[in-house]
């Protein structure tokens, strides 16, 4: 049968019969036992927390390493400065007495 055959009178479009309205059944109350879902949620949350903690730990470790490195550099600088700028006192007790006398004036 050809799609373009036009001898037949076209059938008037039929309105779809409205389906008799059936009240939707009331949603069933949720079952009392929802433990597996809760467990799953808890597990998810715990995993998220673990991952976050790990990230924080890694960051902290990096920060600590940086801080230690900075401190080491500072110590080295101070040591260098002490070596070059502060002249060793040959007779510390005598020098201390002198300073005390100066301070007392």
Protein backbone atom coordinates (compact mmCIF):
# COMPACT_ATOMS: atom_id res chain seq x y z
CA UNK A 1 0.00 0.00 0.00
CA UNK A 2 1.53 3.25 -1.13
CA UNK A 3 1.98 6.01 1.34
CA UNK A 4 0.95 8.59 -1.28
CA UNK A 5 -2.31 6.90 -2.27
CA UNK A 6 -5.03 9.58 -1.98
CA UNK A 7 -8.22 7.95 -3.30
CA UNK A 8 -9.42 7.04 0.16
CA UNK A 9 -11.06 9.72 2.21
CA UNK A 10 -8.82 10.60 5.11
CA UNK A 11 -10.19 9.37 8.37
CA UNK A 12 -10.97 12.19 10.76
CA UNK A 13 -8.54 12.30 13.66
CA UNK A 14 -9.94 10.45 16.61
CA UNK A 15 -9.72 12.19 19.96
CA UNK A 16 -7.92 9.92 22.36
CA UNK A 17 -10.38 8.61 24.88
CA UNK A 18 -9.54 10.14 28.24
CA UNK A 19 -8.53 7.39 30.58
CA UNK A 20 -10.85 7.10 33.54
CA UNK A 21 -9.19 8.98 36.36
CA UNK A 22 -7.95 6.52 38.88
CA UNK A 23 -6.81 7.95 42.16
CA UNK A 24 -3.15 7.34 42.58
CA UNK A 25 -2.60 4.84 45.34
CA UNK A 26 -1.45 6.55 48.50
CA UNK A 27 2.33 6.35 48.85
CA UNK A 28 3.31 3.51 51.10
CA UNK A 29 4.76 4.58 54.40
CA UNK A 30 8.51 4.15 54.44
CA UNK A 31 9.53 0.89 56.02
CA UNK A 32 10.66 1.25 59.60
CA UNK A 33 14.02 -0.41 58.99
CA UNK A 34 16.24 1.98 57.03
CA UNK A 35 19.46 0.85 58.63
CA UNK A 36 21.35 -0.28 55.51
CA UNK A 37 20.81 3.11 53.86
CA UNK A 38 21.89 4.89 57.03
CA UNK A 39 24.94 2.65 57.28
CA UNK A 40 25.81 3.47 53.68
CA UNK A 41 25.45 7.19 54.37
CA UNK A 42 27.60 6.94 57.47
CA UNK A 43 30.20 5.01 55.52
CA UNK A 44 30.16 7.67 52.78
CA UNK A 45 30.54 10.47 55.33
CA UNK A 46 33.32 8.63 57.09
CA UNK A 47 35.15 8.10 53.82
CA UNK A 48 34.78 11.77 52.94
CA UNK A 49 36.09 12.73 56.36
CA UNK A 50 39.01 10.33 55.97
CA UNK A 51 39.93 11.77 52.59
CA UNK A 52 39.67 15.32 53.92
CA UNK A 53 41.80 14.41 56.93
CA UNK A 54 44.42 12.86 54.70
CA UNK A 55 44.52 15.97 52.51
CA UNK A 56 44.85 18.18 55.58
CA UNK A 57 47.60 15.97 56.94
CA UNK A 58 49.50 16.15 53.67
CA UNK A 59 49.12 19.93 53.61
CA UNK A 60 50.22 20.18 57.23
CA UNK A 61 53.22 17.98 56.53
CA UNK A 62 54.22 20.24 53.65
CA UNK A 63 53.77 23.33 55.79
CA UNK A 64 55.80 21.78 58.59
CA UNK A 65 58.60 20.90 56.19
CA UNK A 66 58.62 24.48 54.90
CA UNK A 67 58.66 25.87 58.43
CA UNK A 68 61.53 23.60 59.44
CA UNK A 69 63.48 24.57 56.33
CA UNK A 70 62.89 28.26 57.07
CA UNK A 71 63.95 27.82 60.68
CA UNK A 72 67.12 26.01 59.61
CA UNK A 73 67.95 28.83 57.20
CA UNK A 74 67.35 31.43 59.90
CA UNK A 75 69.54 29.55 62.36
CA UNK A 76 72.29 29.31 59.76
CA UNK A 77 72.01 33.05 59.08
CA UNK A 78 72.16 33.89 62.77
CA UNK A 79 75.16 31.64 63.28
CA UNK A 80 76.92 33.33 60.37
CA UNK A 81 76.09 36.77 61.72
CA UNK A 82 77.30 35.84 65.18
CA UNK A 83 80.56 34.52 63.75
CA UNK A 84 81.26 37.60 61.64
CA UNK A 85 79.81 40.51 63.60
CA UNK A 86 80.32 39.66 67.25
CA UNK A 87 83.91 39.81 68.32
CA UNK A 88 84.80 37.16 70.82
CA UNK A 89 85.47 38.66 74.26
CA UNK A 90 88.85 37.56 75.46
CA UNK A 91 88.29 38.10 79.15
CA UNK A 92 84.56 37.74 79.76
CA UNK A 93 84.58 38.39 83.53
CA UNK A 94 86.60 41.59 83.23
CA UNK A 95 84.40 42.78 80.37
CA UNK A 96 81.26 42.05 82.38
CA UNK A 97 82.62 44.06 85.34
CA UNK A 98 83.40 46.96 83.02
CA UNK A 99 79.89 46.87 81.57
CA UNK A 100 78.40 46.73 85.06
CA UNK A 101 80.44 49.76 86.12
CA UNK A 102 79.29 51.65 83.02
CA UNK A 103 75.70 50.74 83.73
CA UNK A 104 76.03 51.82 87.37
CA UNK A 105 77.14 55.33 86.40
